[in-house]
Structures are given as structure tokens and as C-alpha cells.
């Protein structure tokens, strides 16, 4: 019960961060905001997969998919921080 609340709140927080970052990007066109927003979109997907993995599909291991989604998300953020020119 408590785990589902925590997983849901983490997913909602990541989704809120993604929407705020992408909204700020739409106003300022800052490339760092774009890559950060994409990272948090990926982290939202990763949190949704965590919720599915731990609570819905308990017999199927979704950990490799979750970890690869998180790795790609942080890769996007790293790319944006290193190569986004302002």
C-alpha cells in the first residue's frame, strides 16, 4: 500500500518537472531546458514502468527495461549539458 503511494508520487513529481521544464523551454527556447525536459519525460516513463513492475506485473521482470529507460534519460541530460550551446 505505502509502496504504491510512493511510486505514484515519484512518477507524478517527474511528470510535473517535465511539464514545467518543457513549458519554460517553450517560452525561452533554451536548449538546456529542452534536454532536461526530455530527461524528465524519460524518468516519468521509468517511474511508470517501476509501478507496473512492482505492483501489476509481479511475475515479469521489467528491471532491464526500466534501467535502460533511465540510462537513456540521463544520457539525454548529459548530452544537453555538454553540447547545448547558448
PDB file of N, CA and C in Angstrom:
ATOM      1  N   UNK A   1       0.825  -1.201   0.000  1.00  0.00           N
ATOM      2  CA  UNK A   1       0.000   0.000   0.000  1.00  0.00           C
ATOM      3  C   UNK A   1       0.865   1.259   0.000  1.00  0.00           C
ATOM      4  N   UNK A   2       1.788   1.342   0.953  1.00  0.00           N
ATOM      5  CA  UNK A   2       2.647   2.510   1.039  1.00  0.00           C
ATOM      6  C   UNK A   2       3.569   2.604  -0.174  1.00  0.00           C
ATOM      7  N   UNK A   3       4.013   1.454  -0.665  1.00  0.00           N
ATOM      8  CA  UNK A   3       4.894   1.453  -1.835  1.00  0.00           C
ATOM      9  C   UNK A   3       4.174   2.027  -3.051  1.00  0.00           C
ATOM     10  N   UNK A   4       2.932   1.689  -3.238  1.00  0.00           N
ATOM     11  CA  UNK A   4       2.200   2.215  -4.395  1.00  0.00           C
ATOM     12  C   UNK A   4       2.031   3.728  -4.305  1.00  0.00           C
ATOM     13  N   UNK A   5       1.846   4.239  -3.103  1.00  0.00           N
ATOM     14  CA  UNK A   5       1.727   5.692  -2.932  1.00  0.00           C
ATOM     15  C   UNK A   5       3.050   6.369  -3.263  1.00  0.00           C
ATOM     16  N   UNK A   6       4.149   5.806  -2.784  1.00  0.00           N
ATOM     17  CA  UNK A   6       5.471   6.388  -3.038  1.00  0.00           C
ATOM     18  C   UNK A   6       5.804   6.334  -4.520  1.00  0.00           C
ATOM     19  N   UNK A   7       5.560   5.199  -5.182  1.00  0.00           N
ATOM     20  CA  UNK A   7       5.839   5.072  -6.615  1.00  0.00           C
ATOM     21  C   UNK A   7       5.008   6.060  -7.427  1.00  0.00           C
ATOM     22  N   UNK A   8       3.755   6.221  -7.042  1.00  0.00           N
ATOM     23  CA  UNK A   8       2.875   7.149  -7.746  1.00  0.00           C
ATOM     24  C   UNK A   8       3.326   8.588  -7.560  1.00  0.00           C
ATOM     25  N   UNK A   9       3.688   8.957  -6.340  1.00  0.00           N
ATOM     26  CA  UNK A   9       4.150  10.315  -6.088  1.00  0.00           C
ATOM     27  C   UNK A   9       5.449  10.619  -6.819  1.00  0.00           C
ATOM     28  N   UNK A  10       6.342   9.647  -6.898  1.00  0.00           N
ATOM     29  CA  UNK A  10       7.593   9.845  -7.641  1.00  0.00           C
ATOM     30  C   UNK A  10       7.304  10.058  -9.126  1.00  0.00           C
ATOM     31  N   UNK A  11       6.399   9.276  -9.676  1.00  0.00           N
ATOM     32  CA  UNK A  11       6.033   9.434 -11.077  1.00  0.00           C
ATOM     33  C   UNK A  11       5.371  10.774 -11.352  1.00  0.00           C
ATOM     34  N   UNK A  12       4.480  11.186 -10.471  1.00  0.00           N
ATOM     35  CA  UNK A  12       3.812  12.475 -10.642  1.00  0.00           C
ATOM     36  C   UNK A  12       4.791  13.639 -10.513  1.00  0.00           C
ATOM     37  N   UNK A  13       5.754  13.504  -9.608  1.00  0.00           N
ATOM     38  CA  UNK A  13       6.766  14.553  -9.456  1.00  0.00           C
ATOM     39  C   UNK A  13       7.621  14.674 -10.710  1.00  0.00           C
ATOM     40  N   UNK A  14       8.024  13.539 -11.269  1.00  0.00           N
ATOM     41  CA  UNK A  14       8.819  13.569 -12.503  1.00  0.00           C
ATOM     42  C   UNK A  14       8.004  14.153 -13.655  1.00  0.00           C
ATOM     43  N   UNK A  15       6.733  13.818 -13.728  1.00  0.00           N
ATOM     44  CA  UNK A  15       5.873  14.367 -14.783  1.00  0.00           C
ATOM     45  C   UNK A  15       5.687  15.874 -14.615  1.00  0.00           C
ATOM     46  N   UNK A  16       5.544  16.331 -13.388  1.00  0.00           N
ATOM     47  CA  UNK A  16       5.410  17.763 -13.133  1.00  0.00           C
ATOM     48  C   UNK A  16       6.692  18.494 -13.516  1.00  0.00           C
ATOM     49  N   UNK A  17       7.837  17.935 -13.157  1.00  0.00           N
ATOM     50  CA  UNK A  17       9.109  18.550 -13.543  1.00  0.00           C
ATOM     51  C   UNK A  17       9.248  18.610 -15.056  1.00  0.00           C
ATOM     52  N   UNK A  18       8.884  17.530 -15.737  1.00  0.00           N
ATOM     53  CA  UNK A  18       8.976  17.513 -17.196  1.00  0.00           C
ATOM     54  C   UNK A  18       8.087  18.584 -17.811  1.00  0.00           C
ATOM     55  N   UNK A  19       6.861  18.699 -17.330  1.00  0.00           N
ATOM     56  CA  UNK A  19       5.954  19.693 -17.910  1.00  0.00           C
ATOM     57  C   UNK A  19       6.436  21.117 -17.633  1.00  0.00           C
ATOM     58  N   UNK A  20       6.957  21.377 -16.445  1.00  0.00           N
ATOM     59  CA  UNK A  20       7.460  22.713 -16.142  1.00  0.00           C
ATOM     60  C   UNK A  20       8.695  23.052 -16.971  1.00  0.00           C
ATOM     61  N   UNK A  21       9.594  22.083 -17.138  1.00  0.00           N
ATOM     62  CA  UNK A  21      10.788  22.327 -17.943  1.00  0.00           C
ATOM     63  C   UNK A  21      10.440  22.559 -19.406  1.00  0.00           C
ATOM     64  N   UNK A  22       9.531  21.761 -19.940  1.00  0.00           N
ATOM     65  CA  UNK A  22       9.163  21.931 -21.344  1.00  0.00           C
ATOM     66  C   UNK A  22       8.360  23.211 -21.570  1.00  0.00           C
ATOM     67  N   UNK A  23       7.575  23.614 -20.587  1.00  0.00           N
ATOM     68  CA  UNK A  23       6.855  24.877 -20.699  1.00  0.00           C
ATOM     69  C   UNK A  23       7.824  26.060 -20.673  1.00  0.00           C
ATOM     70  N   UNK A  24       8.844  25.963 -19.805  1.00  0.00           N
ATOM     71  CA  UNK A  24       9.863  27.014 -19.774  1.00  0.00           C
ATOM     72  C   UNK A  24      10.658  27.035 -21.078  1.00  0.00           C
ATOM     73  N   UNK A  25      10.885  25.856 -21.667  1.00  0.00           N
ATOM     74  CA  UNK A  25      11.570  25.813 -22.948  1.00  0.00           C
ATOM     75  C   UNK A  25      10.741  26.512 -24.029  1.00  0.00           C
ATOM     76  N   UNK A  26       9.437  26.302 -23.999  1.00  0.00           N
ATOM     77  CA  UNK A  26       8.573  26.928 -25.000  1.00  0.00           C
ATOM     78  C   UNK A  26       8.610  28.452 -24.910  1.00  0.00           C
ATOM     79  N   UNK A  27       8.868  28.965 -23.717  1.00  0.00           N
ATOM     80  CA  UNK A  27       8.917  30.414 -23.550  1.00  0.00           C
ATOM     81  C   UNK A  27      10.291  30.994 -23.866  1.00  0.00           C
ATOM     82  N   UNK A  28      11.357  30.271 -23.512  1.00  0.00           N
ATOM     83  CA  UNK A  28      12.700  30.842 -23.626  1.00  0.00           C
ATOM     84  C   UNK A  28      13.526  30.249 -24.761  1.00  0.00           C
ATOM     85  N   UNK A  29      13.164  29.065 -25.237  1.00  0.00           N
ATOM     86  CA  UNK A  29      13.916  28.349 -26.274  1.00  0.00           C
ATOM     87  C   UNK A  29      15.348  28.033 -25.841  1.00  0.00           C
ATOM     88  N   UNK A  30      15.549  27.804 -24.564  1.00  0.00           N
ATOM     89  CA  UNK A  30      16.862  27.413 -24.048  1.00  0.00           C
ATOM     90  C   UNK A  30      17.051  25.915 -24.271  1.00  0.00           C
ATOM     91  N   UNK A  31      18.134  25.550 -24.932  1.00  0.00           N
ATOM     92  CA  UNK A  31      18.370  24.154 -25.287  1.00  0.00           C
ATOM     93  C   UNK A  31      18.556  23.276 -24.045  1.00  0.00           C
ATOM     94  N   UNK A  32      19.110  23.816 -22.981  1.00  0.00           N
ATOM     95  CA  UNK A  32      19.296  23.039 -21.752  1.00  0.00           C
ATOM     96  C   UNK A  32      17.947  22.646 -21.166  1.00  0.00           C
ATOM     97  N   UNK A  33      16.986  23.530 -21.235  1.00  0.00           N
ATOM     98  CA  UNK A  33      15.642  23.208 -20.755  1.00  0.00           C
ATOM     99  C   UNK A  33      15.017  22.106 -21.594  1.00  0.00           C
ATOM    100  N   UNK A  34      15.265  22.112 -22.884  1.00  0.00           N
ATOM    101  CA  UNK A  34      14.742  21.072 -23.775  1.00  0.00           C
ATOM    102  C   UNK A  34      15.278  19.703 -23.373  1.00  0.00           C
ATOM    103  N   UNK A  35      16.596  19.596 -23.237  1.00  0.00           N
ATOM    104  CA  UNK A  35      17.196  18.300 -22.898  1.00  0.00           C
ATOM    105  C   UNK A  35      16.825  17.865 -21.484  1.00  0.00           C
ATOM    106  N   UNK A  36      16.713  18.816 -20.566  1.00  0.00           N
ATOM    107  CA  UNK A  36      16.281  18.476 -19.207  1.00  0.00           C
ATOM    108  C   UNK A  36      14.837  17.992 -19.196  1.00  0.00           C
ATOM    109  N   UNK A  37      13.990  18.639 -19.985  1.00  0.00           N
ATOM    110  CA  UNK A  37      12.594  18.210 -20.085  1.00  0.00           C
ATOM    111  C   UNK A  37      12.475  16.816 -20.674  1.00  0.00           C
ATOM    112  N   UNK A  38      13.287  16.523 -21.706  1.00  0.00           N
ATOM    113  CA  UNK A  38      13.277  15.169 -22.273  1.00  0.00           C
ATOM    114  C   UNK A  38      13.756  14.140 -21.260  1.00  0.00           C
ATOM    115  N   UNK A  39      14.763  14.506 -20.471  1.00  0.00           N
ATOM    116  CA  UNK A  39      15.249  13.601 -19.426  1.00  0.00           C
ATOM    117  C   UNK A  39      14.132  13.273 -18.441  1.00  0.00           C
ATOM    118  N   UNK A  40      13.410  14.276 -18.009  1.00  0.00           N
ATOM    119  CA  UNK A  40      12.346  14.023 -17.043  1.00  0.00           C
ATOM    120  C   UNK A  40      11.153  13.300 -17.666  1.00  0.00           C
ATOM    121  N   UNK A  41      10.939  13.451 -18.959  1.00  0.00           N
ATOM    122  CA  UNK A  41       9.926  12.626 -19.631  1.00  0.00           C
ATOM    123  C   UNK A  41      10.325  11.149 -19.553  1.00  0.00           C
ATOM    124  N   UNK A  42      11.589  10.889 -19.811  1.00  0.00           N
ATOM    125  CA  UNK A  42      12.080   9.515 -19.703  1.00  0.00           C
ATOM    126  C   UNK A  42      12.012   8.989 -18.283  1.00  0.00           C
ATOM    127  N   UNK A  43      12.302   9.841 -17.310  1.00  0.00           N
ATOM    128  CA  UNK A  43      12.214   9.411 -15.914  1.00  0.00           C
ATOM    129  C   UNK A  43      10.761   9.154 -15.505  1.00  0.00           C
ATOM    130  N   UNK A  44       9.833   9.889 -16.094  1.00  0.00           N
ATOM    131  CA  UNK A  44       8.415   9.618 -15.850  1.00  0.00           C
ATOM    132  C   UNK A  44       8.035   8.243 -16.385  1.00  0.00           C
ATOM    133  N   UNK A  45       8.518   7.927 -17.573  1.00  0.00           N
ATOM    134  CA  UNK A  45       8.265   6.599 -18.146  1.00  0.00           C
ATOM    135  C   UNK A  45       8.894   5.525 -17.277  1.00  0.00           C
ATOM    136  N   UNK A  46      10.107   5.786 -16.796  1.00  0.00           N
ATOM    137  CA  UNK A  46      10.785   4.829 -15.931  1.00  0.00           C
ATOM    138  C   UNK A  46      10.010   4.599 -14.632  1.00  0.00           C
ATOM    139  N   UNK A  47       9.463   5.673 -14.071  1.00  0.00           N
ATOM    140  CA  UNK A  47       8.655   5.527 -12.854  1.00  0.00           C
ATOM    141  C   UNK A  47       7.359   4.775 -13.118  1.00  0.00           C
ATOM    142  N   UNK A  48       6.774   4.988 -14.288  1.00  0.00           N
ATOM    143  CA  UNK A  48       5.567   4.232 -14.639  1.00  0.00           C
ATOM    144  C   UNK A  48       5.900   2.746 -14.792  1.00  0.00           C
ATOM    145  N   UNK A  49       7.052   2.463 -15.388  1.00  0.00           N
ATOM    146  CA  UNK A  49       7.478   1.065 -15.514  1.00  0.00           C
ATOM    147  C   UNK A  49       7.760   0.447 -14.146  1.00  0.00           C
ATOM    148  N   UNK A  50       8.288   1.247 -13.235  1.00  0.00           N
ATOM    149  CA  UNK A  50       8.516   0.753 -11.868  1.00  0.00           C
ATOM    150  C   UNK A  50       7.200   0.385 -11.201  1.00  0.00           C
ATOM    151  N   UNK A  51       6.208   1.232 -11.377  1.00  0.00           N
ATOM    152  CA  UNK A  51       4.887   0.949 -10.808  1.00  0.00           C
ATOM    153  C   UNK A  51       4.306  -0.335 -11.395  1.00  0.00           C
ATOM    154  N   UNK A  52       4.436  -0.488 -12.711  1.00  0.00           N
ATOM    155  CA  UNK A  52       3.947  -1.708 -13.350  1.00  0.00           C
ATOM    156  C   UNK A  52       4.734  -2.937 -12.913  1.00  0.00           C
ATOM    157  N   UNK A  53       6.046  -2.772 -12.791  1.00  0.00           N
ATOM    158  CA  UNK A  53       6.915  -3.894 -12.438  1.00  0.00           C
ATOM    159  C   UNK A  53       6.642  -4.407 -11.030  1.00  0.00           C
ATOM    160  N   UNK A  54       6.508  -3.503 -10.101  1.00  0.00           N
ATOM    161  CA  UNK A  54       6.386  -3.905  -8.693  1.00  0.00           C
ATOM    162  C   UNK A  54       4.961  -4.236  -8.261  1.00  0.00           C
ATOM    163  N   UNK A  55       3.974  -3.637  -8.925  1.00  0.00           N
ATOM    164  CA  UNK A  55       2.610  -3.795  -8.426  1.00  0.00           C
ATOM    165  C   UNK A  55       1.668  -4.529  -9.373  1.00  0.00           C
ATOM    166  N   UNK A  56       1.891  -4.455 -10.669  1.00  0.00           N
ATOM    167  CA  UNK A  56       0.945  -5.040 -11.615  1.00  0.00           C
ATOM    168  C   UNK A  56       1.471  -6.359 -12.163  1.00  0.00           C
ATOM    169  N   UNK A  57       2.637  -6.299 -12.801  1.00  0.00           N
ATOM    170  CA  UNK A  57       3.229  -7.495 -13.422  1.00  0.00           C
ATOM    171  C   UNK A  57       4.309  -8.058 -12.521  1.00  0.00           C
ATOM    172  N   UNK A  58       3.911  -8.641 -11.410  1.00  0.00           N
ATOM    173  CA  UNK A  58       4.892  -9.124 -10.447  1.00  0.00           C
ATOM    174  C   UNK A  58       5.633 -10.365 -10.931  1.00  0.00           C
ATOM    175  N   UNK A  59       5.075 -11.094 -11.882  1.00  0.00           N
ATOM    176  CA  UNK A  59       5.732 -12.310 -12.366  1.00  0.00           C
ATOM    177  C   UNK A  59       6.709 -12.030 -13.506  1.00  0.00           C
ATOM    178  N   UNK A  60       6.647 -10.847 -14.098  1.00  0.00           N
ATOM    179  CA  UNK A  60       7.539 -10.460 -15.193  1.00  0.00           C
ATOM    180  C   UNK A  60       8.537  -9.443 -14.659  1.00  0.00           C
ATOM    181  N   UNK A  61       9.827  -9.643 -14.995  1.00  0.00           N
ATOM    182  CA  UNK A  61      10.862  -8.725 -14.540  1.00  0.00           C
ATOM    183  C   UNK A  61      11.059  -7.619 -15.571  1.00  0.00           C
ATOM    184  N   UNK A  62      10.664  -6.412 -15.219  1.00  0.00           N
ATOM    185  CA  UNK A  62      10.815  -5.269 -16.103  1.00  0.00           C
ATOM    186  C   UNK A  62      12.044  -4.428 -15.764  1.00  0.00           C
ATOM    187  N   UNK A  63      12.907  -4.945 -14.906  1.00  0.00           N
ATOM    188  CA  UNK A  63      14.061  -4.167 -14.480  1.00  0.00           C
ATOM    189  C   UNK A  63      14.992  -3.784 -15.632  1.00  0.00           C
ATOM    190  N   UNK A  64      15.322  -4.679 -16.564  1.00  0.00           N
ATOM    191  CA  UNK A  64      16.190  -4.233 -17.667  1.00  0.00           C
ATOM    192  C   UNK A  64      15.581  -3.093 -18.491  1.00  0.00           C
ATOM    193  N   UNK A  65      14.290  -3.139 -18.711  1.00  0.00           N
ATOM    194  CA  UNK A  65      13.619  -2.074 -19.449  1.00  0.00           C
ATOM    195  C   UNK A  65      13.629  -0.770 -18.660  1.00  0.00           C
ATOM    196  N   UNK A  66      13.388  -0.866 -17.363  1.00  0.00           N
ATOM    197  CA  UNK A  66      13.424   0.327 -16.504  1.00  0.00           C
ATOM    198  C   UNK A  66      14.808   0.949 -16.481  1.00  0.00           C
ATOM    199  N   UNK A  67      15.822   0.116 -16.319  1.00  0.00           N
ATOM    200  CA  UNK A  67      17.183   0.637 -16.232  1.00  0.00           C
ATOM    201  C   UNK A  67      17.652   1.228 -17.557  1.00  0.00           C
ATOM    202  N   UNK A  68      17.266   0.612 -18.660  1.00  0.00           N
ATOM    203  CA  UNK A  68      17.666   1.163 -19.957  1.00  0.00           C
ATOM    204  C   UNK A  68      16.953   2.481 -20.234  1.00  0.00           C
ATOM    205  N   UNK A  69      15.705   2.596 -19.818  1.00  0.00           N
ATOM    206  CA  UNK A  69      14.983   3.861 -19.963  1.00  0.00           C
ATOM    207  C   UNK A  69      15.640   4.960 -19.139  1.00  0.00           C
ATOM    208  N   UNK A  70      16.040   4.627 -17.934  1.00  0.00           N
ATOM    209  CA  UNK A  70      16.717   5.601 -17.077  1.00  0.00           C
ATOM    210  C   UNK A  70      18.073   5.987 -17.649  1.00  0.00           C
ATOM    211  N   UNK A  71      18.805   5.017 -18.182  1.00  0.00           N
ATOM    212  CA  UNK A  71      20.109   5.298 -18.777  1.00  0.00           C
ATOM    213  C   UNK A  71      19.982   6.231 -19.981  1.00  0.00           C
ATOM    214  N   UNK A  72      19.011   5.980 -20.837  1.00  0.00           N
ATOM    215  CA  UNK A  72      18.791   6.851 -21.994  1.00  0.00           C
ATOM    216  C   UNK A  72      18.391   8.251 -21.529  1.00  0.00           C
ATOM    217  N   UNK A  73      17.568   8.328 -20.497  1.00  0.00           N
ATOM    218  CA  UNK A  73      17.136   9.630 -19.985  1.00  0.00           C
ATOM    219  C   UNK A  73      18.312  10.446 -19.474  1.00  0.00           C
ATOM    220  N   UNK A  74      19.160   9.824 -18.670  1.00  0.00           N
ATOM    221  CA  UNK A  74      20.314  10.550 -18.163  1.00  0.00           C
ATOM    222  C   UNK A  74      21.330  10.829 -19.267  1.00  0.00           C
ATOM    223  N   UNK A  75      21.372   9.986 -20.276  1.00  0.00           N
ATOM    224  CA  UNK A  75      22.214  10.261 -21.431  1.00  0.00           C
ATOM    225  C   UNK A  75      21.765  11.515 -22.165  1.00  0.00           C
ATOM    226  N   UNK A  76      20.451  11.685 -22.294  1.00  0.00           N
ATOM    227  CA  UNK A  76      19.916  12.908 -22.910  1.00  0.00           C
ATOM    228  C   UNK A  76      20.291  14.141 -22.098  1.00  0.00           C
ATOM    229  N   UNK A  77      20.183  14.036 -20.785  1.00  0.00           N
ATOM    230  CA  UNK A  77      20.541  15.165 -19.928  1.00  0.00           C
ATOM    231  C   UNK A  77      22.030  15.466 -20.041  1.00  0.00           C
ATOM    232  N   UNK A  78      22.855  14.441 -20.035  1.00  0.00           N
ATOM    233  CA  UNK A  78      24.299  14.639 -20.143  1.00  0.00           C
ATOM    234  C   UNK A  78      24.660  15.270 -21.483  1.00  0.00           C
ATOM    235  N   UNK A  79      24.035  14.800 -22.551  1.00  0.00           N
ATOM    236  CA  UNK A  79      24.271  15.384 -23.867  1.00  0.00           C
ATOM    237  C   UNK A  79      23.879  16.863 -23.870  1.00  0.00           C
ATOM    238  N   UNK A  80      22.739  17.149 -23.304  1.00  0.00           N
ATOM    239  CA  UNK A  80      22.283  18.533 -23.260  1.00  0.00           C
ATOM    240  C   UNK A  80      23.188  19.434 -22.443  1.00  0.00           C
ATOM    241  N   UNK A  81      23.710  18.909 -21.356  1.00  0.00           N
ATOM    242  CA  UNK A  81      24.592  19.733 -20.532  1.00  0.00           C
ATOM    243  C   UNK A  81      25.959  19.948 -21.185  1.00  0.00           C
ATOM    244  N   UNK A  82      26.417  18.956 -21.939  1.00  0.00           N
ATOM    245  CA  UNK A  82      27.734  19.075 -22.549  1.00  0.00           C
ATOM    246  C   UNK A  82      27.729  19.819 -23.879  1.00  0.00           C
ATOM    247  N   UNK A  83      26.692  19.605 -24.684  1.00  0.00           N
ATOM    248  CA  UNK A  83      26.721  20.102 -26.059  1.00  0.00           C
ATOM    249  C   UNK A  83      25.697  21.169 -26.393  1.00  0.00           C
ATOM    250  N   UNK A  84      24.859  21.527 -25.454  1.00  0.00           N
ATOM    251  CA  UNK A  84      23.886  22.580 -25.736  1.00  0.00           C
ATOM    252  C   UNK A  84      24.595  23.925 -25.651  1.00  0.00           C
ATOM    253  N   UNK A  85      24.629  24.615 -26.758  1.00  0.00           N
ATOM    254  CA  UNK A  85      25.278  25.928 -26.756  1.00  0.00           C
ATOM    255  C   UNK A  85      24.229  27.016 -26.645  1.00  0.00           C
ATOM    256  N   UNK A  86      24.491  27.926 -25.791  1.00  0.00           N
ATOM    257  CA  UNK A  86      23.563  29.027 -25.534  1.00  0.00           C
ATOM    258  C   UNK A  86      24.106  30.288 -26.153  1.00  0.00           C
TER     259      UNK A  86
END
